Amino acid sequence: MLTAGMWTVALLTWQDVRDDRQDRTTRALLAVSAAVLVATMLLALSWALGEATGIPHPSLTWMAATHGLGNALGFALCAVLAWRRIERLERLNLERLNGETTA
């Protein structure tokens, strides 16, 4: 269920990448976030499949270093930075709109 939810988050984030209302930096942060999420979920699936079937798979230490760090920096940090940029730009646009209507 968690993996399906994360795939959904990646898909929804990717839709925001194509939003022309966002600047290039924000779209790049969202793209990195979505791509890293796909990569780390593939790592998690390969580890789980290996644990369940006994086929060779990454060690838990390696998974913590790659999957965990990738999610923390590549997915979460990039997404938070993008959302903060979106919020700031929306606030500036709202202030600009309010300034134009009161003048």
C-alpha atoms as a PDB file:
ATOM      1  CA  MET A   1       0.000   0.000   0.000  1.00  0.00           C
ATOM      2  CA  LEU A   2       2.806   2.393   0.846  1.00  0.00           C
ATOM      3  CA  THR A   3       4.533   1.774  -2.477  1.00  0.00           C
ATOM      4  CA  ALA A   4       1.270   2.317  -4.381  1.00  0.00           C
ATOM      5  CA  GLY A   5       0.751   5.561  -2.483  1.00  0.00           C
ATOM      6  CA  MET A   6       4.252   6.735  -3.275  1.00  0.00           C
ATOM      7  CA  TRP A   7       3.806   5.907  -6.980  1.00  0.00           C
ATOM      8  CA  THR A   8       0.637   8.029  -6.872  1.00  0.00           C
ATOM      9  CA  VAL A   9       2.559  10.894  -5.262  1.00  0.00           C
ATOM     10  CA  ALA A  10       5.204  10.643  -7.998  1.00  0.00           C
ATOM     11  CA  LEU A  11       2.522  10.723 -10.696  1.00  0.00           C
ATOM     12  CA  LEU A  12       0.761  13.729  -9.170  1.00  0.00           C
ATOM     13  CA  THR A  13       4.084  15.517  -8.697  1.00  0.00           C
ATOM     14  CA  TRP A  14       5.000  14.841 -12.317  1.00  0.00           C
ATOM     15  CA  GLN A  15       1.746  16.513 -13.385  1.00  0.00           C
ATOM     16  CA  ASP A  16       2.877  19.656 -11.530  1.00  0.00           C
ATOM     17  CA  VAL A  17       6.161  19.565 -13.489  1.00  0.00           C
ATOM     18  CA  ARG A  18       4.231  20.170 -16.693  1.00  0.00           C
ATOM     19  CA  ASP A  19       2.355  23.148 -15.186  1.00  0.00           C
ATOM     20  CA  ASP A  20       3.392  26.191 -17.219  1.00  0.00           C
ATOM     21  CA  ARG A  21       2.491  28.504 -14.331  1.00  0.00           C
ATOM     22  CA  GLN A  22       5.609  27.340 -12.441  1.00  0.00           C
ATOM     23  CA  ASP A  23       9.071  28.745 -13.103  1.00  0.00           C
ATOM     24  CA  ARG A  24      11.894  26.577 -14.404  1.00  0.00           C
ATOM     25  CA  THR A  25      13.562  26.057 -11.014  1.00  0.00           C
ATOM     26  CA  THR A  26      10.327  24.951  -9.356  1.00  0.00           C
ATOM     27  CA  ARG A  27       9.577  22.547 -12.191  1.00  0.00           C
ATOM     28  CA  ALA A  28      13.126  21.155 -11.971  1.00  0.00           C
ATOM     29  CA  LEU A  29      12.780  20.573  -8.219  1.00  0.00           C
ATOM     30  CA  LEU A  30       9.459  18.802  -8.771  1.00  0.00           C
ATOM     31  CA  ALA A  31      10.956  16.694 -11.576  1.00  0.00           C
ATOM     32  CA  VAL A  32      13.875  15.599  -9.385  1.00  0.00           C
ATOM     33  CA  SER A  33      11.463  14.806  -6.573  1.00  0.00           C
ATOM     34  CA  ALA A  34       9.261  12.616  -8.780  1.00  0.00           C
ATOM     35  CA  ALA A  35      12.184  10.872 -10.501  1.00  0.00           C
ATOM     36  CA  VAL A  36      13.985  10.104  -7.249  1.00  0.00           C
ATOM     37  CA  LEU A  37      10.783   8.715  -5.778  1.00  0.00           C
ATOM     38  CA  VAL A  38      10.419   6.314  -8.699  1.00  0.00           C
ATOM     39  CA  ALA A  39      14.055   5.214  -8.368  1.00  0.00           C
ATOM     40  CA  THR A  40      13.897   4.683  -4.602  1.00  0.00           C
ATOM     41  CA  MET A  41      10.616   2.781  -4.843  1.00  0.00           C
ATOM     42  CA  LEU A  42      12.188   0.478  -7.439  1.00  0.00           C
ATOM     43  CA  LEU A  43      15.050  -0.111  -4.994  1.00  0.00           C
ATOM     44  CA  ALA A  44      12.555  -0.891  -2.236  1.00  0.00           C
ATOM     45  CA  LEU A  45      10.667  -3.319  -4.455  1.00  0.00           C
ATOM     46  CA  SER A  46      13.891  -5.103  -5.448  1.00  0.00           C
ATOM     47  CA  TRP A  47      14.871  -5.433  -1.788  1.00  0.00           C
ATOM     48  CA  ALA A  48      11.422  -6.741  -0.778  1.00  0.00           C
ATOM     49  CA  LEU A  49      11.368  -9.215  -3.662  1.00  0.00           C
ATOM     50  CA  GLY A  50      14.829 -10.452  -2.683  1.00  0.00           C
ATOM     51  CA  GLU A  51      13.785 -10.855   0.947  1.00  0.00           C
ATOM     52  CA  ALA A  52      10.661 -12.790  -0.041  1.00  0.00           C
ATOM     53  CA  THR A  53      12.249 -15.072  -2.641  1.00  0.00           C
ATOM     54  CA  GLY A  54      15.887 -15.333  -1.632  1.00  0.00           C
ATOM     55  CA  ILE A  55      17.207 -13.911  -4.907  1.00  0.00           C
ATOM     56  CA  PRO A  56      20.218 -11.599  -4.561  1.00  0.00           C
ATOM     57  CA  HIS A  57      19.272  -8.143  -3.348  1.00  0.00           C
ATOM     58  CA  PRO A  58      20.878  -5.131  -1.656  1.00  0.00           C
ATOM     59  CA  SER A  59      21.746  -5.376   2.029  1.00  0.00           C
ATOM     60  CA  LEU A  60      19.730  -3.476   4.609  1.00  0.00           C
ATOM     61  CA  THR A  61      22.700  -1.164   5.230  1.00  0.00           C
ATOM     62  CA  TRP A  62      22.976  -0.379   1.532  1.00  0.00           C
ATOM     63  CA  MET A  63      19.215   0.201   1.333  1.00  0.00           C
ATOM     64  CA  ALA A  64      19.302   2.616   4.265  1.00  0.00           C
ATOM     65  CA  ALA A  65      22.121   4.529   2.605  1.00  0.00           C
ATOM     66  CA  THR A  66      20.546   4.701  -0.859  1.00  0.00           C
ATOM     67  CA  HIS A  67      16.794   4.422  -0.409  1.00  0.00           C
ATOM     68  CA  GLY A  68      16.670   6.411   2.806  1.00  0.00           C
ATOM     69  CA  LEU A  69      19.061   9.148   1.749  1.00  0.00           C
ATOM     70  CA  GLY A  70      17.488   9.359  -1.703  1.00  0.00           C
ATOM     71  CA  ASN A  71      14.021   9.806  -0.222  1.00  0.00           C
ATOM     72  CA  ALA A  72      15.219  12.339   2.333  1.00  0.00           C
ATOM     73  CA  LEU A  73      17.243  14.529  -0.026  1.00  0.00           C
ATOM     74  CA  GLY A  74      15.997  13.788  -3.515  1.00  0.00           C
ATOM     75  CA  PHE A  75      12.308  13.406  -2.828  1.00  0.00           C
ATOM     76  CA  ALA A  76      11.439  15.224   0.391  1.00  0.00           C
ATOM     77  CA  LEU A  77      13.888  18.130   0.335  1.00  0.00           C
ATOM     78  CA  CYS A  78      13.330  18.925  -3.348  1.00  0.00           C
ATOM     79  CA  ALA A  79       9.545  18.712  -2.908  1.00  0.00           C
ATOM     80  CA  VAL A  80       9.550  20.976   0.166  1.00  0.00           C
ATOM     81  CA  LEU A  81      11.740  23.538  -1.612  1.00  0.00           C
ATOM     82  CA  ALA A  82       9.424  23.460  -4.638  1.00  0.00           C
ATOM     83  CA  TRP A  83       6.302  23.849  -2.520  1.00  0.00           C
ATOM     84  CA  ARG A  84       7.858  26.784  -0.674  1.00  0.00           C
ATOM     85  CA  ARG A  85       8.671  28.439  -4.008  1.00  0.00           C
ATOM     86  CA  ILE A  86       5.105  27.846  -5.220  1.00  0.00           C
ATOM     87  CA  GLU A  87       3.685  29.300  -2.002  1.00  0.00           C
ATOM     88  CA  ARG A  88       5.961  32.354  -2.201  1.00  0.00           C
ATOM     89  CA  LEU A  89       5.111  33.010  -5.849  1.00  0.00           C
ATOM     90  CA  GLU A  90       1.385  32.647  -5.163  1.00  0.00           C
ATOM     91  CA  ARG A  91       1.665  35.055  -2.223  1.00  0.00           C
ATOM     92  CA  LEU A  92       3.531  37.589  -4.378  1.00  0.00           C
ATOM     93  CA  ASN A  93       0.927  37.270  -7.137  1.00  0.00           C
ATOM     94  CA  LEU A  94      -1.887  37.751  -4.614  1.00  0.00           C
ATOM     95  CA  GLU A  95      -0.168  40.819  -3.148  1.00  0.00           C
ATOM     96  CA  ARG A  96       0.322  42.202  -6.640  1.00  0.00           C
ATOM     97  CA  LEU A  97      -3.340  41.568  -7.486  1.00  0.00           C
ATOM     98  CA  ASN A  98      -4.534  43.185  -4.256  1.00  0.00           C
ATOM     99  CA  GLY A  99      -2.279  46.174  -4.878  1.00  0.00           C
ATOM    100  CA  GLU A 100      -3.705  46.619  -8.378  1.00  0.00           C
ATOM    101  CA  THR A 101      -7.341  46.425  -7.258  1.00  0.00           C
ATOM    102  CA  THR A 102      -6.955  48.936  -4.401  1.00  0.00           C
ATOM    103  CA  ALA A 103      -5.004  51.514  -6.438  1.00  0.00           C
END
